[in-house]
PDB file of N, CA and C in Angstrom:
ATOM      1  N   MET A   1      97.277 119.106  71.505  1.00  0.00           N
ATOM      2  CA  MET A   1      98.694 118.943  70.827  1.00  0.00           C
ATOM      3  C   MET A   1      99.698 118.334  71.782  1.00  0.00           C
ATOM      4  N   PRO A   2     100.114 117.508  71.206  1.00  0.00           N
ATOM      5  CA  PRO A   2     101.748 116.690  72.152  1.00  0.00           C
ATOM      6  C   PRO A   2     102.512 118.279  72.224  1.00  0.00           C
ATOM      7  N   MET A   3     103.463 117.904  73.213  1.00  0.00           N
ATOM      8  CA  MET A   3     104.539 118.924  73.158  1.00  0.00           C
ATOM      9  C   MET A   3     105.686 118.088  72.270  1.00  0.00           C
ATOM     10  N   PHE A   4     106.209 118.699  71.402  1.00  0.00           N
ATOM     11  CA  PHE A   4     107.268 118.133  70.454  1.00  0.00           C
ATOM     12  C   PHE A   4     108.476 118.435  71.316  1.00  0.00           C
ATOM     13  N   HIS A   5     109.635 117.352  71.137  1.00  0.00           N
ATOM     14  CA  HIS A   5     110.770 117.574  71.497  1.00  0.00           C
ATOM     15  C   HIS A   5     112.017 117.077  70.705  1.00  0.00           C
ATOM     16  N   PRO A   6     112.361 117.931  69.600  1.00  0.00           N
ATOM     17  CA  PRO A   6     113.120 117.649  68.498  1.00  0.00           C
ATOM     18  C   PRO A   6     114.658 117.387  68.985  1.00  0.00           C
ATOM     19  N   GLU A   7     115.165 116.206  68.486  1.00  0.00           N
ATOM     20  CA  GLU A   7     116.604 115.971  68.827  1.00  0.00           C
ATOM     21  C   GLU A   7     117.447 116.389  67.923  1.00  0.00           C
ATOM     22  N   THR A   8     117.027 116.947  66.641  1.00  0.00           N
ATOM     23  CA  THR A   8     117.991 117.479  65.711  1.00  0.00           C
ATOM     24  C   THR A   8     117.670 118.766  65.176  1.00  0.00           C
ATOM     25  N   PRO A   9     118.348 119.393  64.471  1.00  0.00           N
ATOM     26  CA  PRO A   9     117.614 120.638  63.770  1.00  0.00           C
ATOM     27  C   PRO A   9     116.739 120.138  62.629  1.00  0.00           C
ATOM     28  N   ALA A  10     117.106 119.050  62.092  1.00  0.00           N
ATOM     29  CA  ALA A  10     116.049 118.511  60.756  1.00  0.00           C
ATOM     30  C   ALA A  10     114.539 118.362  61.541  1.00  0.00           C
ATOM     31  N   GLU A  11     114.630 117.677  62.784  1.00  0.00           N
ATOM     32  CA  GLU A  11     113.195 117.480  63.647  1.00  0.00           C
ATOM     33  C   GLU A  11     112.765 119.113  63.518  1.00  0.00           C
ATOM     34  N   TRP A  12     113.566 119.867  64.178  1.00  0.00           N
ATOM     35  CA  TRP A  12     112.735 121.252  64.521  1.00  0.00           C
ATOM     36  C   TRP A  12     112.166 121.733  63.414  1.00  0.00           C
ATOM     37  N   GLU A  13     113.033 121.802  62.278  1.00  0.00           N
ATOM     38  CA  GLU A  13     112.658 122.316  61.070  1.00  0.00           C
ATOM     39  C   GLU A  13     111.243 121.611  60.653  1.00  0.00           C
ATOM     40  N   ASP A  14     111.532 120.642  60.625  1.00  0.00           N
ATOM     41  CA  ASP A  14     110.077 119.665  60.289  1.00  0.00           C
ATOM     42  C   ASP A  14     108.574 119.887  61.049  1.00  0.00           C
ATOM     43  N   VAL A  15     109.025 120.182  62.230  1.00  0.00           N
ATOM     44  CA  VAL A  15     107.785 120.671  63.138  1.00  0.00           C
ATOM     45  C   VAL A  15     107.241 121.998  62.450  1.00  0.00           C
ATOM     46  N   LEU A  16     108.374 123.039  62.393  1.00  0.00           N
ATOM     47  CA  LEU A  16     107.847 124.129  62.037  1.00  0.00           C
ATOM     48  C   LEU A  16     107.456 124.115  60.665  1.00  0.00           C
ATOM     49  N   ALA A  17     107.860 123.304  59.665  1.00  0.00           N
ATOM     50  CA  ALA A  17     107.305 123.180  58.239  1.00  0.00           C
ATOM     51  C   ALA A  17     105.797 122.869  58.114  1.00  0.00           C
ATOM     52  N   ASN A  18     105.715 121.532  59.200  1.00  0.00           N
ATOM     53  CA  ASN A  18     104.438 121.189  59.030  1.00  0.00           C
ATOM     54  C   ASN A  18     103.366 121.776  59.943  1.00  0.00           C
ATOM     55  N   ALA A  19     103.605 122.925  60.336  1.00  0.00           N
ATOM     56  CA  ALA A  19     102.582 123.598  61.466  1.00  0.00           C
ATOM     57  C   ALA A  19     101.700 124.237  60.733  1.00  0.00           C
ATOM     58  N   GLY A  20     101.945 124.420  59.226  1.00  0.00           N
ATOM     59  CA  GLY A  20     101.059 125.325  58.587  1.00  0.00           C
ATOM     60  C   GLY A  20     100.525 126.566  58.881  1.00  0.00           C
ATOM     61  N   ASP A  21      99.357 127.235  59.323  1.00  0.00           N
ATOM     62  CA  ASP A  21      99.246 128.556  59.716  1.00  0.00           C
ATOM     63  C   ASP A  21      98.968 128.496  61.485  1.00  0.00           C
ATOM     64  N   LYS A  22      99.276 127.473  61.930  1.00  0.00           N
ATOM     65  CA  LYS A  22      99.227 127.338  63.355  1.00  0.00           C
ATOM     66  C   LYS A  22     100.328 127.956  64.134  1.00  0.00           C
ATOM     67  N   LEU A  23     100.197 128.477  65.242  1.00  0.00           N
ATOM     68  CA  LEU A  23     100.908 129.178  66.170  1.00  0.00           C
ATOM     69  C   LEU A  23     101.780 128.263  66.733  1.00  0.00           C
ATOM     70  N   VAL A  24     103.120 128.411  66.746  1.00  0.00           N
ATOM     71  CA  VAL A  24     104.118 127.356  67.237  1.00  0.00           C
ATOM     72  C   VAL A  24     104.681 128.265  68.296  1.00  0.00           C
ATOM     73  N   VAL A  25     105.030 127.759  69.481  1.00  0.00           N
ATOM     74  CA  VAL A  25     105.637 128.360  70.583  1.00  0.00           C
ATOM     75  C   VAL A  25     106.899 127.103  70.947  1.00  0.00           C
ATOM     76  N   CYS A  26     108.101 128.085  70.869  1.00  0.00           N
ATOM     77  CA  CYS A  26     108.974 126.950  71.304  1.00  0.00           C
ATOM     78  C   CYS A  26     109.870 127.697  72.593  1.00  0.00           C
ATOM     79  N   ASP A  27     110.277 126.731  73.549  1.00  0.00           N
ATOM     80  CA  ASP A  27     110.907 127.218  74.854  1.00  0.00           C
ATOM     81  C   ASP A  27     112.395 126.762  74.274  1.00  0.00           C
ATOM     82  N   TYR A  28     113.182 127.365  74.289  1.00  0.00           N
ATOM     83  CA  TYR A  28     114.801 127.316  73.770  1.00  0.00           C
ATOM     84  C   TYR A  28     115.173 127.293  75.393  1.00  0.00           C
ATOM     85  N   ASN A  29     115.786 126.170  75.729  1.00  0.00           N
ATOM     86  CA  ASN A  29     116.231 125.966  77.515  1.00  0.00           C
ATOM     87  C   ASN A  29     117.657 124.962  77.330  1.00  0.00           C
ATOM     88  N   ALA A  30     118.010 124.857  78.414  1.00  0.00           N
ATOM     89  CA  ALA A  30     119.283 124.168  78.800  1.00  0.00           C
ATOM     90  C   ALA A  30     119.068 123.219  79.892  1.00  0.00           C
ATOM     91  N   PRO A  31     119.428 122.275  80.131  1.00  0.00           N
ATOM     92  CA  PRO A  31     119.324 121.605  81.303  1.00  0.00           C
ATOM     93  C   PRO A  31     120.202 121.853  82.468  1.00  0.00           C
ATOM     94  N   TRP A  32     121.060 122.730  82.108  1.00  0.00           N
ATOM     95  CA  TRP A  32     121.938 123.028  83.197  1.00  0.00           C
ATOM     96  C   TRP A  32     121.698 124.501  83.836  1.00  0.00           C
ATOM     97  N   CYS A  33     120.443 124.827  83.353  1.00  0.00           N
ATOM     98  CA  CYS A  33     120.101 126.465  83.512  1.00  0.00           C
ATOM     99  C   CYS A  33     118.910 126.301  84.403  1.00  0.00           C
ATOM    100  N   PRO A  34     119.166 126.883  85.863  1.00  0.00           N
ATOM    101  CA  PRO A  34     117.900 126.724  86.877  1.00  0.00           C
ATOM    102  C   PRO A  34     116.739 127.624  86.651  1.00  0.00           C
ATOM    103  N   PRO A  35     116.739 128.843  85.910  1.00  0.00           N
ATOM    104  CA  PRO A  35     115.407 129.504  85.412  1.00  0.00           C
ATOM    105  C   PRO A  35     114.616 128.735  84.454  1.00  0.00           C
ATOM    106  N   CYS A  36     115.502 127.908  83.621  1.00  0.00           N
ATOM    107  CA  CYS A  36     114.660 126.989  82.496  1.00  0.00           C
ATOM    108  C   CYS A  36     114.224 126.068  83.363  1.00  0.00           C
ATOM    109  N   GLN A  37     114.634 125.023  84.271  1.00  0.00           N
ATOM    110  CA  GLN A  37     114.056 124.091  84.924  1.00  0.00           C
ATOM    111  C   GLN A  37     113.019 124.505  85.735  1.00  0.00           C
ATOM    112  N   MET A  38     112.713 126.013  86.031  1.00  0.00           N
ATOM    113  CA  MET A  38     111.774 126.551  87.008  1.00  0.00           C
ATOM    114  C   MET A  38     110.529 126.448  86.028  1.00  0.00           C
ATOM    115  N   MET A  39     110.858 127.151  84.574  1.00  0.00           N
ATOM    116  CA  MET A  39     109.930 127.522  83.794  1.00  0.00           C
ATOM    117  C   MET A  39     109.418 125.940  82.981  1.00  0.00           C
ATOM    118  N   ARG A  40     110.175 125.060  83.094  1.00  0.00           N
ATOM    119  CA  ARG A  40     109.568 123.615  82.448  1.00  0.00           C
ATOM    120  C   ARG A  40     108.165 123.463  82.894  1.00  0.00           C
ATOM    121  N   PRO A  41     107.889 123.205  84.024  1.00  0.00           N
ATOM    122  CA  PRO A  41     106.481 122.865  84.219  1.00  0.00           C
ATOM    123  C   PRO A  41     105.542 123.715  83.994  1.00  0.00           C
ATOM    124  N   VAL A  42     105.602 125.002  83.932  1.00  0.00           N
ATOM    125  CA  VAL A  42     104.922 126.077  83.528  1.00  0.00           C
ATOM    126  C   VAL A  42     104.539 125.881  82.070  1.00  0.00           C
ATOM    127  N   PHE A  43     105.641 125.482  81.442  1.00  0.00           N
ATOM    128  CA  PHE A  43     105.719 125.578  79.905  1.00  0.00           C
ATOM    129  C   PHE A  43     104.708 124.249  79.656  1.00  0.00           C
ATOM    130  N   HIS A  44     105.219 123.314  80.270  1.00  0.00           N
ATOM    131  CA  HIS A  44     104.609 121.744  79.787  1.00  0.00           C
ATOM    132  C   HIS A  44     103.236 121.668  80.137  1.00  0.00           C
ATOM    133  N   SER A  45     102.743 122.860  80.794  1.00  0.00           N
ATOM    134  CA  SER A  45     101.334 122.939  81.518  1.00  0.00           C
ATOM    135  C   SER A  45     100.494 123.691  80.547  1.00  0.00           C
ATOM    136  N   LEU A  46     101.163 124.342  79.363  1.00  0.00           N
ATOM    137  CA  LEU A  46     100.327 125.367  78.519  1.00  0.00           C
ATOM    138  C   LEU A  46      99.426 124.927  77.513  1.00  0.00           C
ATOM    139  N   PRO A  47      99.995 123.760  77.093  1.00  0.00           N
ATOM    140  CA  PRO A  47      98.984 122.673  75.875  1.00  0.00           C
ATOM    141  C   PRO A  47      97.331 122.757  76.615  1.00  0.00           C
ATOM    142  N   GLU A  48      97.281 122.472  77.783  1.00  0.00           N
ATOM    143  CA  GLU A  48      96.084 122.338  78.248  1.00  0.00           C
ATOM    144  C   GLU A  48      95.204 123.508  78.252  1.00  0.00           C
ATOM    145  N   SER A  49      95.692 124.860  78.104  1.00  0.00           N
ATOM    146  CA  SER A  49      95.161 125.932  78.098  1.00  0.00           C
ATOM    147  C   SER A  49      94.969 126.513  76.633  1.00  0.00           C
ATOM    148  N   TYR A  50      95.809 125.853  75.774  1.00  0.00           N
ATOM    149  CA  TYR A  50      95.892 126.360  74.338  1.00  0.00           C
ATOM    150  C   TYR A  50      96.231 125.086  73.487  1.00  0.00           C
ATOM    151  N   PRO A  51      94.881 124.312  73.349  1.00  0.00           N
ATOM    152  CA  PRO A  51      95.252 123.375  72.581  1.00  0.00           C
ATOM    153  C   PRO A  51      95.280 123.220  71.081  1.00  0.00           C
ATOM    154  N   ASP A  52      95.191 124.403  70.609  1.00  0.00           N
ATOM    155  CA  ASP A  52      95.329 124.563  69.082  1.00  0.00           C
ATOM    156  C   ASP A  52      96.757 125.153  68.941  1.00  0.00           C
ATOM    157  N   ILE A  53      97.679 125.259  69.660  1.00  0.00           N
ATOM    158  CA  ILE A  53      98.950 125.903  69.516  1.00  0.00           C
ATOM    159  C   ILE A  53      99.941 124.692  69.674  1.00  0.00           C
ATOM    160  N   ILE A  54     100.856 124.725  68.875  1.00  0.00           N
ATOM    161  CA  ILE A  54     101.965 123.498  68.983  1.00  0.00           C
ATOM    162  C   ILE A  54     103.188 124.158  69.747  1.00  0.00           C
ATOM    163  N   PHE A  55     103.651 123.389  70.894  1.00  0.00           N
ATOM    164  CA  PHE A  55     104.734 123.706  71.716  1.00  0.00           C
ATOM    165  C   PHE A  55     105.687 122.897  71.186  1.00  0.00           C
ATOM    166  N   VAL A  56     107.058 123.377  71.581  1.00  0.00           N
ATOM    167  CA  VAL A  56     108.048 122.533  71.253  1.00  0.00           C
ATOM    168  C   VAL A  56     109.108 123.119  72.300  1.00  0.00           C
ATOM    169  N   ASP A  57     109.836 121.911  72.975  1.00  0.00           N
ATOM    170  CA  ASP A  57     110.654 121.974  73.848  1.00  0.00           C
ATOM    171  C   ASP A  57     112.149 121.825  73.294  1.00  0.00           C
ATOM    172  N   CYS A  58     112.714 122.915  73.202  1.00  0.00           N
ATOM    173  CA  CYS A  58     114.048 122.909  72.459  1.00  0.00           C
ATOM    174  C   CYS A  58     115.485 123.096  73.262  1.00  0.00           C
ATOM    175  N   ASP A  59     116.158 121.736  73.338  1.00  0.00           N
ATOM    176  CA  ASP A  59     117.475 121.769  74.208  1.00  0.00           C
ATOM    177  C   ASP A  59     118.495 122.354  73.225  1.00  0.00           C
ATOM    178  N   VAL A  60     119.108 123.779  73.774  1.00  0.00           N
ATOM    179  CA  VAL A  60     120.112 124.315  72.827  1.00  0.00           C
ATOM    180  C   VAL A  60     121.206 123.834  72.731  1.00  0.00           C
ATOM    181  N   ASP A  61     121.454 122.806  73.540  1.00  0.00           N
ATOM    182  CA  ASP A  61     122.920 121.763  73.862  1.00  0.00           C
ATOM    183  C   ASP A  61     122.468 120.830  72.486  1.00  0.00           C
ATOM    184  N   LYS A  62     121.329 120.115  72.611  1.00  0.00           N
ATOM    185  CA  LYS A  62     121.146 119.288  71.287  1.00  0.00           C
ATOM    186  C   LYS A  62     121.286 119.892  70.014  1.00  0.00           C
ATOM    187  N   LEU A  63     120.590 121.188  69.968  1.00  0.00           N
ATOM    188  CA  LEU A  63     120.157 121.871  68.837  1.00  0.00           C
ATOM    189  C   LEU A  63     120.933 122.692  68.841  1.00  0.00           C
ATOM    190  N   ALA A  64     122.499 122.793  68.827  1.00  0.00           N
ATOM    191  CA  ALA A  64     123.380 123.924  68.849  1.00  0.00           C
ATOM    192  C   ALA A  64     123.723 124.242  67.408  1.00  0.00           C
ATOM    193  N   ASP A  65     123.432 123.321  66.507  1.00  0.00           N
ATOM    194  CA  ASP A  65     123.529 123.333  65.106  1.00  0.00           C
ATOM    195  C   ASP A  65     122.518 124.306  64.641  1.00  0.00           C
ATOM    196  N   LEU A  66     121.278 124.701  65.167  1.00  0.00           N
ATOM    197  CA  LEU A  66     120.054 125.349  64.537  1.00  0.00           C
ATOM    198  C   LEU A  66     120.610 126.780  64.517  1.00  0.00           C
ATOM    199  N   ASP A  67     120.470 127.195  63.232  1.00  0.00           N
ATOM    200  CA  ASP A  67     120.405 128.708  63.406  1.00  0.00           C
ATOM    201  C   ASP A  67     119.842 129.730  64.268  1.00  0.00           C
ATOM    202  N   GLU A  68     118.761 129.165  64.419  1.00  0.00           N
ATOM    203  CA  GLU A  68     117.841 129.766  65.513  1.00  0.00           C
ATOM    204  C   GLU A  68     118.647 130.062  66.970  1.00  0.00           C
ATOM    205  N   VAL A  69     119.441 129.082  67.279  1.00  0.00           N
ATOM    206  CA  VAL A  69     120.183 129.138  68.647  1.00  0.00           C
ATOM    207  C   VAL A  69     121.312 130.258  68.924  1.00  0.00           C
ATOM    208  N   ASP A  70     121.778 130.143  67.415  1.00  0.00           N
ATOM    209  CA  ASP A  70     123.070 131.433  67.499  1.00  0.00           C
ATOM    210  C   ASP A  70     122.232 132.924  67.794  1.00  0.00           C
ATOM    211  N   SER A  71     121.152 133.277  67.585  1.00  0.00           N
ATOM    212  CA  SER A  71     120.858 134.267  67.530  1.00  0.00           C
ATOM    213  C   SER A  71     120.198 134.643  69.254  1.00  0.00           C
ATOM    214  N   ILE A  72     120.301 133.403  70.142  1.00  0.00           N
ATOM    215  CA  ILE A  72     119.598 133.581  71.287  1.00  0.00           C
ATOM    216  C   ILE A  72     120.562 134.112  72.374  1.00  0.00           C
ATOM    217  N   GLU A  73     120.205 135.245  73.024  1.00  0.00           N
ATOM    218  CA  GLU A  73     121.198 135.788  73.985  1.00  0.00           C
ATOM    219  C   GLU A  73     121.315 135.184  75.493  1.00  0.00           C
ATOM    220  N   GLY A  74     120.022 134.291  75.683  1.00  0.00           N
ATOM    221  CA  GLY A  74     119.780 133.580  77.018  1.00  0.00           C
ATOM    222  C   GLY A  74     118.641 132.885  77.124  1.00  0.00           C
ATOM    223  N   VAL A  75     118.903 132.197  78.036  1.00  0.00           N
ATOM    224  CA  VAL A  75     117.800 131.017  78.220  1.00  0.00           C
ATOM    225  C   VAL A  75     117.175 131.223  79.624  1.00  0.00           C
ATOM    226  N   PRO A  76     115.993 130.977  79.779  1.00  0.00           N
ATOM    227  CA  PRO A  76     115.207 130.451  78.834  1.00  0.00           C
ATOM    228  C   PRO A  76     114.542 131.833  77.842  1.00  0.00           C
ATOM    229  N   THR A  77     114.238 131.438  76.527  1.00  0.00           N
ATOM    230  CA  THR A  77     113.836 132.233  75.500  1.00  0.00           C
ATOM    231  C   THR A  77     112.729 131.331  74.601  1.00  0.00           C
ATOM    232  N   PHE A  78     111.448 131.928  74.756  1.00  0.00           N
ATOM    233  CA  PHE A  78     110.442 131.527  74.378  1.00  0.00           C
ATOM    234  C   PHE A  78     110.260 132.503  72.759  1.00  0.00           C
ATOM    235  N   ARG A  79     110.232 131.668  71.721  1.00  0.00           N
ATOM    236  CA  ARG A  79     109.879 132.361  70.349  1.00  0.00           C
ATOM    237  C   ARG A  79     108.308 131.722  69.740  1.00  0.00           C
ATOM    238  N   LEU A  80     107.773 132.756  69.117  1.00  0.00           N
ATOM    239  CA  LEU A  80     106.480 132.359  68.614  1.00  0.00           C
ATOM    240  C   LEU A  80     106.800 132.249  67.291  1.00  0.00           C
ATOM    241  N   TYR A  81     106.382 131.643  66.633  1.00  0.00           N
ATOM    242  CA  TYR A  81     106.035 131.454  64.863  1.00  0.00           C
ATOM    243  C   TYR A  81     104.688 131.272  64.619  1.00  0.00           C
ATOM    244  N   LYS A  82     104.653 131.840  63.317  1.00  0.00           N
ATOM    245  CA  LYS A  82     103.407 131.605  62.573  1.00  0.00           C
ATOM    246  C   LYS A  82     103.752 131.432  61.054  1.00  0.00           C
ATOM    247  N   SER A  83     103.185 130.413  60.278  1.00  0.00           N
ATOM    248  CA  SER A  83     103.979 130.236  58.910  1.00  0.00           C
ATOM    249  C   SER A  83     105.462 130.359  58.744  1.00  0.00           C
ATOM    250  N   GLY A  84     105.857 129.782  59.906  1.00  0.00           N
ATOM    251  CA  GLY A  84     107.463 129.518  59.387  1.00  0.00           C
ATOM    252  C   GLY A  84     108.381 130.923  59.917  1.00  0.00           C
ATOM    253  N   GLU A  85     107.555 131.992  60.101  1.00  0.00           N
ATOM    254  CA  GLU A  85     108.278 133.137  60.522  1.00  0.00           C
ATOM    255  C   GLU A  85     108.048 133.447  62.154  1.00  0.00           C
ATOM    256  N   GLN A  86     108.997 134.147  62.538  1.00  0.00           N
ATOM    257  CA  GLN A  86     109.085 134.539  63.679  1.00  0.00           C
ATOM    258  C   GLN A  86     108.096 135.569  64.045  1.00  0.00           C
ATOM    259  N   VAL A  87     107.155 135.478  65.179  1.00  0.00           N
ATOM    260  CA  VAL A  87     106.389 136.743  65.086  1.00  0.00           C
ATOM    261  C   VAL A  87     106.416 137.240  66.743  1.00  0.00           C
ATOM    262  N   GLY A  88     106.930 136.543  67.654  1.00  0.00           N
ATOM    263  CA  GLY A  88     107.134 136.873  69.010  1.00  0.00           C
ATOM    264  C   GLY A  88     107.982 136.612  69.773  1.00  0.00           C
ATOM    265  N   GLU A  89     108.539 137.112  71.012  1.00  0.00           N
ATOM    266  CA  GLU A  89     109.704 136.558  71.680  1.00  0.00           C
ATOM    267  C   GLU A  89     109.433 137.163  73.170  1.00  0.00           C
ATOM    268  N   PHE A  90     109.746 136.225  74.103  1.00  0.00           N
ATOM    269  CA  PHE A  90     109.938 136.637  75.453  1.00  0.00           C
ATOM    270  C   PHE A  90     111.085 135.591  76.116  1.00  0.00           C
ATOM    271  N   SER A  91     111.835 136.359  76.843  1.00  0.00           N
ATOM    272  CA  SER A  91     113.001 135.657  77.427  1.00  0.00           C
ATOM    273  C   SER A  91     112.521 136.277  79.177  1.00  0.00           C
ATOM    274  N   GLY A  92     112.848 135.100  79.995  1.00  0.00           N
ATOM    275  CA  GLY A  92     112.681 135.417  81.279  1.00  0.00           C
ATOM    276  C   GLY A  92     111.513 134.268  81.932  1.00  0.00           C
ATOM    277  N   THR A  93     111.351 134.508  83.272  1.00  0.00           N
ATOM    278  CA  THR A  93     110.524 133.236  83.825  1.00  0.00           C
ATOM    279  C   THR A  93     109.115 133.962  84.371  1.00  0.00           C
ATOM    280  N   SER A  94     108.386 134.812  83.832  1.00  0.00           N
ATOM    281  CA  SER A  94     107.174 135.194  83.996  1.00  0.00           C
ATOM    282  C   SER A  94     106.142 134.487  83.397  1.00  0.00           C
ATOM    283  N   GLU A  95     105.349 133.491  83.986  1.00  0.00           N
ATOM    284  CA  GLU A  95     104.323 132.752  83.222  1.00  0.00           C
ATOM    285  C   GLU A  95     103.130 133.796  82.954  1.00  0.00           C
ATOM    286  N   GLU A  96     102.771 134.895  83.629  1.00  0.00           N
ATOM    287  CA  GLU A  96     102.160 135.950  83.342  1.00  0.00           C
ATOM    288  C   GLU A  96     102.495 136.786  81.839  1.00  0.00           C
ATOM    289  N   LYS A  97     103.611 136.917  81.668  1.00  0.00           N
ATOM    290  CA  LYS A  97     104.133 137.716  80.638  1.00  0.00           C
ATOM    291  C   LYS A  97     104.471 136.714  79.294  1.00  0.00           C
ATOM    292  N   LEU A  98     104.686 135.177  79.572  1.00  0.00           N
ATOM    293  CA  LEU A  98     104.532 134.318  78.558  1.00  0.00           C
ATOM    294  C   LEU A  98     103.299 134.337  77.712  1.00  0.00           C
ATOM    295  N   ARG A  99     102.464 133.790  78.910  1.00  0.00           N
ATOM    296  CA  ARG A  99     100.906 134.012  78.470  1.00  0.00           C
ATOM    297  C   ARG A  99     100.505 135.328  77.640  1.00  0.00           C
ATOM    298  N   ALA A 100     100.714 136.391  78.043  1.00  0.00           N
ATOM    299  CA  ALA A 100     100.289 137.574  77.384  1.00  0.00           C
ATOM    300  C   ALA A 100     101.203 137.744  76.017  1.00  0.00           C
ATOM    301  N   VAL A 101     102.354 137.305  75.646  1.00  0.00           N
ATOM    302  CA  VAL A 101     102.874 137.080  74.366  1.00  0.00           C
ATOM    303  C   VAL A 101     102.060 136.104  73.552  1.00  0.00           C
ATOM    304  N   ILE A 102     101.730 134.855  74.091  1.00  0.00           N
ATOM    305  CA  ILE A 102     100.971 134.164  73.331  1.00  0.00           C
ATOM    306  C   ILE A 102      99.674 134.653  73.027  1.00  0.00           C
ATOM    307  N   ASP A 103      98.905 135.170  73.835  1.00  0.00           N
ATOM    308  CA  ASP A 103      97.877 135.654  73.822  1.00  0.00           C
ATOM    309  C   ASP A 103      97.805 136.644  72.722  1.00  0.00           C
ATOM    310  N   GLU A 104      98.716 137.712  72.244  1.00  0.00           N
ATOM    311  CA  GLU A 104      98.798 138.561  71.249  1.00  0.00           C
ATOM    312  C   GLU A 104      98.696 138.028  70.194  1.00  0.00           C
ATOM    313  N   HIS A 105      99.078 136.419  69.910  1.00  0.00           N
ATOM    314  CA  HIS A 105      99.361 135.955  68.460  1.00  0.00           C
ATOM    315  C   HIS A 105      98.437 134.985  68.153  1.00  0.00           C
ATOM    316  N   ILE A 106      97.465 134.813  69.032  1.00  0.00           N
ATOM    317  CA  ILE A 106      96.431 133.849  68.924  1.00  0.00           C
ATOM    318  C   ILE A 106      95.355 134.431  67.713  1.00  0.00           C
TER     319      ILE A 106
END
């Protein structure tokens, strides 16, 4: 699956609505955040290991009007969704922990 980069809240909502029962993993990040930039190549490499998962790269500055962004306490935050509902979350810079959270929900 390709990496999605929604530019508007409506685009993000479309990705989630069209995912069906596939797992969606969203990286909520910001360009001014050094830990986010450290995790970017890690996150962008994940589709190779998980071809059936939908990965979404969400810039919190571009998507500031999205309700999901209001509840994020810090970036990077990775949220997992299934059938439109959040099923998991991880905040931080550990690839091992991120993969563990993903593996829990496959």
